[in-house]
Amino acid sequence: MPRLCSAGRSCWCREATARGLTAIIGDVSCNEPPYSDMPFFDVGCAEALRKAPCRRNVFHITPHASMRRDAQAMAKSQGRVSAWEPTLVRFGADTLNRRFRERFGTPMTEEAWTAWIATKIIWESALKLQSASPTTLMAHLTTPTAQFDGHKGLPLSFRTWDQQLRQPLYVVDGKRATEVPTALRAGEPARELLDRLGAGPTPSRCHA
C-alpha cells in the first residue's frame, strides 16, 4: 500500500525517499519546489510551482488562475471560483460533504477537497497498478486511461502539458454555485470539455 507524506508550508519531507514514501501531498513554500523523484501533489501553490524551475514530478490539484478566470467568463459572473463547495449535492457530493462534516466537525472546503482527492488518486492508482512505486505512479498519472472520480459528475484526469488536474469548477455568487463547464457538446469527450478551462496545450518548461 502507498505511504504518503503531508507537507506543510515550512518543509516538504526532505527524507521522503529514505522513508520509502510513495508520494507527497502539500502546499510547500512556493519558492522551493520539491526536487524529488516521487510525485508531489500540489494543493496550494499552483501558480509559483508552474514557473521555472518547475519539475515533472509536480501534479497540480489546485486550479490554475487561468481556469478560474475562464470559469467566471463562462458563468458570466465575477463571483468566487472554487474547486469544491460544502453545499454541493449531485454525483454523491452530498454524501461526501456529510461524512466529512461528521468526522471533522467542519464543512468540506476547497482545501479539504483537494487534499482528499489527491489521497484518493494515489490510493486508487496504487491498487490498480499493484505497485506503490513512485516512478510507476508518475508514469501512470498522465496516461489516456488514468481517470478519477471526484464526485463532480465527469472523470477527472491530468493534462500532459502542465500536469494540471482537469475538473469542473464552481462560481459562487451569493448562495448560488454555478458549475462550469455546464454541458457536453454532442460527441465531445469529457477531457475536451474540461480543457475549455485554462491554458491549452503548450510546450512545457518543466524538466526532470
Protein backbone atom coordinates (compact mmCIF):
# COMPACT_ATOMS: atom_id res chain seq x y z
CA MET A 1 0.00 0.00 0.00
CA PRO A 2 1.21 3.55 -0.66
CA ARG A 3 2.81 5.61 2.08
CA LEU A 4 2.15 9.34 1.93
CA CYS A 5 3.65 12.47 3.38
CA SER A 6 1.60 15.58 4.11
CA ALA A 7 3.94 18.56 3.77
CA GLY A 8 3.38 21.90 5.48
CA ARG A 9 4.50 25.31 4.31
CA SER A 10 7.81 25.16 6.16
CA CYS A 11 9.12 21.81 4.98
CA TRP A 12 8.47 19.16 2.38
CA CYS A 13 9.68 15.92 3.91
CA ARG A 14 13.27 16.06 2.69
CA GLU A 15 13.90 12.47 3.81
CA ALA A 16 10.97 11.15 1.78
CA THR A 17 12.99 8.74 -0.33
CA ALA A 18 14.78 7.30 2.67
CA ARG A 19 11.43 6.79 4.39
CA GLY A 20 10.11 4.75 1.49
CA LEU A 21 7.19 7.05 0.70
CA THR A 22 5.10 6.82 -2.45
CA ALA A 23 4.07 10.47 -2.79
CA ILE A 24 3.96 13.86 -1.10
CA ILE A 25 0.83 15.99 -0.74
CA GLY A 26 1.24 19.60 0.31
CA ASP A 27 1.42 23.33 -0.18
CA VAL A 28 5.11 23.80 0.48
CA SER A 29 6.93 27.09 0.20
CA CYS A 30 6.20 28.32 -3.31
CA ASN A 31 9.83 29.36 -3.65
CA GLU A 32 11.10 25.84 -3.01
CA PRO A 33 9.60 23.33 -5.46
CA PRO A 34 10.29 19.78 -4.29
CA TYR A 35 13.31 18.31 -6.04
CA SER A 36 12.37 14.68 -5.82
CA ASP A 37 11.93 11.53 -7.85
CA MET A 38 8.50 10.94 -6.36
CA PRO A 39 5.20 12.61 -7.27
CA PHE A 40 4.31 15.79 -5.42
CA PHE A 41 0.61 16.72 -5.38
CA ASP A 42 0.30 20.49 -5.21
CA VAL A 43 -2.74 21.56 -3.19
CA GLY A 44 -1.75 25.15 -2.53
CA CYS A 45 0.97 26.73 -4.71
CA ALA A 46 -0.50 26.25 -8.15
CA GLU A 47 0.94 29.44 -9.63
CA ALA A 48 4.56 29.54 -8.49
CA LEU A 49 5.25 25.84 -8.98
CA ARG A 50 4.41 26.14 -12.70
CA LYS A 51 7.20 28.62 -13.31
CA ALA A 52 10.82 27.75 -13.96
CA PRO A 53 12.40 25.80 -12.42
CA CYS A 54 9.26 23.64 -12.21
CA ARG A 55 9.56 19.88 -12.03
CA ARG A 56 7.96 17.00 -13.89
CA ASN A 57 7.10 15.29 -10.61
CA VAL A 58 4.62 18.05 -9.61
CA PHE A 59 0.93 17.36 -10.24
CA HIS A 60 -1.45 20.27 -9.68
CA ILE A 61 -4.74 19.62 -7.88
CA THR A 62 -5.48 23.27 -7.10
CA PRO A 63 -6.97 25.00 -10.17
CA HIS A 64 -4.72 27.42 -12.04
CA ALA A 65 -5.68 31.12 -12.10
CA SER A 66 -6.47 30.86 -15.82
CA MET A 67 -9.02 28.13 -15.06
CA ARG A 68 -10.70 30.38 -12.50
CA ARG A 69 -10.85 33.28 -14.97
CA ASP A 70 -12.35 31.06 -17.67
CA ALA A 71 -14.92 29.77 -15.18
CA GLN A 72 -16.03 33.32 -14.38
CA ALA A 73 -16.31 34.10 -18.09
CA MET A 74 -18.43 31.01 -18.73
CA ALA A 75 -20.71 31.79 -15.79
CA LYS A 76 -20.81 35.47 -16.74
CA SER A 77 -20.11 36.29 -13.13
CA GLN A 78 -17.26 37.74 -11.08
CA GLY A 79 -18.21 35.51 -8.18
CA ARG A 80 -15.74 33.47 -6.16
CA VAL A 81 -14.41 30.43 -8.03
CA SER A 82 -13.82 27.23 -6.09
CA ALA A 83 -12.91 23.62 -6.80
CA TRP A 84 -15.44 22.48 -4.21
CA GLU A 85 -18.36 23.72 -2.13
CA PRO A 86 -19.84 22.23 1.06
CA THR A 87 -23.33 22.84 -0.39
CA LEU A 88 -22.89 20.54 -3.41
CA VAL A 89 -25.43 17.71 -3.71
CA ARG A 90 -25.17 15.99 -7.10
CA PHE A 91 -22.98 13.00 -8.01
CA GLY A 92 -22.65 11.85 -4.40
CA ALA A 93 -21.24 15.19 -3.25
CA ASP A 94 -23.88 15.41 -0.52
CA THR A 95 -22.69 12.13 0.99
CA LEU A 96 -19.04 13.19 0.83
CA ASN A 97 -19.83 16.56 2.41
CA ARG A 98 -21.90 14.94 5.16
CA ARG A 99 -19.26 12.35 6.03
CA PHE A 100 -16.54 14.99 6.14
CA ARG A 101 -18.60 17.24 8.42
CA GLU A 102 -19.49 14.33 10.72
CA ARG A 103 -15.87 13.25 11.04
CA PHE A 104 -14.14 16.63 11.34
CA GLY A 105 -16.92 18.92 12.56
CA THR A 106 -16.32 21.45 9.79
CA PRO A 107 -17.51 21.95 6.19
CA MET A 108 -15.51 20.43 3.34
CA THR A 109 -13.79 23.45 1.76
CA GLU A 110 -11.76 23.59 -1.45
CA GLU A 111 -8.57 22.99 0.55
CA ALA A 112 -10.08 19.91 2.18
CA TRP A 113 -11.34 18.52 -1.12
CA THR A 114 -8.01 18.97 -2.94
CA ALA A 115 -6.19 17.05 -0.20
CA TRP A 116 -8.88 14.37 -0.20
CA ILE A 117 -8.86 13.83 -3.98
CA ALA A 118 -5.04 13.75 -4.05
CA THR A 119 -5.07 10.97 -1.45
CA LYS A 120 -7.81 9.12 -3.34
CA ILE A 121 -5.89 9.36 -6.64
CA ILE A 122 -2.74 7.94 -5.09
CA TRP A 123 -4.55 5.13 -3.28
CA GLU A 124 -6.67 4.04 -6.24
CA SER A 125 -3.72 4.22 -8.64
CA ALA A 126 -1.59 2.03 -6.38
CA LEU A 127 -4.37 -0.54 -6.17
CA LYS A 128 -4.85 -0.55 -9.94
CA LEU A 129 -1.14 -0.76 -10.67
CA GLN A 130 -0.48 -3.23 -7.83
CA SER A 131 2.52 -1.08 -7.05
CA ALA A 132 3.46 1.69 -4.61
CA SER A 133 6.48 2.69 -6.69
CA PRO A 134 6.76 6.49 -7.12
CA THR A 135 8.15 6.03 -10.65
CA THR A 136 5.32 3.72 -11.67
CA LEU A 137 2.74 6.11 -10.24
CA MET A 138 4.17 9.14 -12.06
CA ALA A 139 4.21 7.27 -15.37
CA HIS A 140 0.58 6.28 -14.91
CA LEU A 141 -0.98 9.62 -13.96
CA THR A 142 -0.92 11.26 -17.41
CA THR A 143 -1.77 8.18 -19.48
CA PRO A 144 -5.01 8.18 -21.54
CA THR A 145 -6.53 5.52 -19.26
CA ALA A 146 -5.91 7.34 -15.97
CA GLN A 147 -9.10 8.98 -14.74
CA PHE A 148 -10.60 9.54 -11.32
CA ASP A 149 -13.96 10.13 -9.66
CA GLY A 150 -14.08 13.30 -7.58
CA HIS A 151 -17.88 13.40 -7.13
CA LYS A 152 -18.12 16.08 -9.82
CA GLY A 153 -20.00 14.11 -12.46
CA LEU A 154 -17.17 13.92 -15.00
CA PRO A 155 -13.99 11.82 -14.92
CA LEU A 156 -11.01 13.85 -13.71
CA SER A 157 -7.58 13.47 -15.31
CA PHE A 158 -4.20 15.16 -15.56
CA ARG A 159 -3.16 17.16 -18.61
CA THR A 160 0.09 16.05 -20.19
CA TRP A 161 1.39 19.56 -20.91
CA ASP A 162 1.11 21.16 -17.47
CA GLN A 163 0.04 18.24 -15.25
CA GLN A 164 -3.00 20.18 -14.07
CA LEU A 165 -5.99 18.16 -12.89
CA ARG A 166 -8.90 18.59 -15.31
CA GLN A 167 -12.04 19.29 -13.30
CA PRO A 168 -15.31 21.22 -13.27
CA LEU A 169 -15.28 24.38 -11.12
CA TYR A 170 -17.98 26.30 -9.25
CA VAL A 171 -18.63 30.02 -9.47
CA VAL A 172 -20.24 31.12 -6.21
CA ASP A 173 -22.36 34.28 -6.27
CA GLY A 174 -24.24 34.74 -3.02
CA LYS A 175 -25.82 31.38 -2.17
CA ARG A 176 -25.77 30.14 -5.76
CA ALA A 177 -22.99 27.88 -7.06
CA THR A 178 -22.85 27.57 -10.86
CA GLU A 179 -20.96 24.59 -12.21
CA VAL A 180 -18.76 25.17 -15.26
CA PRO A 181 -18.39 23.91 -17.93
CA THR A 182 -22.11 23.18 -17.91
CA ALA A 183 -22.74 20.69 -20.72
CA LEU A 184 -21.12 18.36 -23.20
CA ARG A 185 -21.41 19.14 -26.87
CA ALA A 186 -22.67 16.25 -28.98
CA GLY A 187 -19.94 13.64 -29.08
CA GLU A 188 -17.44 15.80 -27.18
CA PRO A 189 -15.14 13.80 -24.89
CA ALA A 190 -15.10 14.84 -21.23
CA ARG A 191 -11.42 15.76 -21.45
CA GLU A 192 -12.04 18.20 -24.29
CA LEU A 193 -14.92 19.74 -22.38
CA LEU A 194 -12.81 20.29 -19.27
CA ASP A 195 -9.95 21.66 -21.34
CA ARG A 196 -12.12 24.71 -22.00
CA LEU A 197 -10.92 25.81 -18.57
CA GLY A 198 -7.33 27.03 -18.53
CA ALA A 199 -4.45 27.16 -20.97
CA GLY A 200 -4.41 24.79 -23.91
CA PRO A 201 -1.52 22.51 -24.93
CA THR A 202 1.82 24.33 -24.91
CA PRO A 203 5.43 23.15 -24.74
CA SER A 204 6.22 22.53 -21.09
CA ARG A 205 9.06 24.38 -19.35
CA CYS A 206 9.16 21.69 -16.69
CA HIS A 207 12.01 19.21 -16.61
CA ALA A 208 13.07 16.22 -14.58
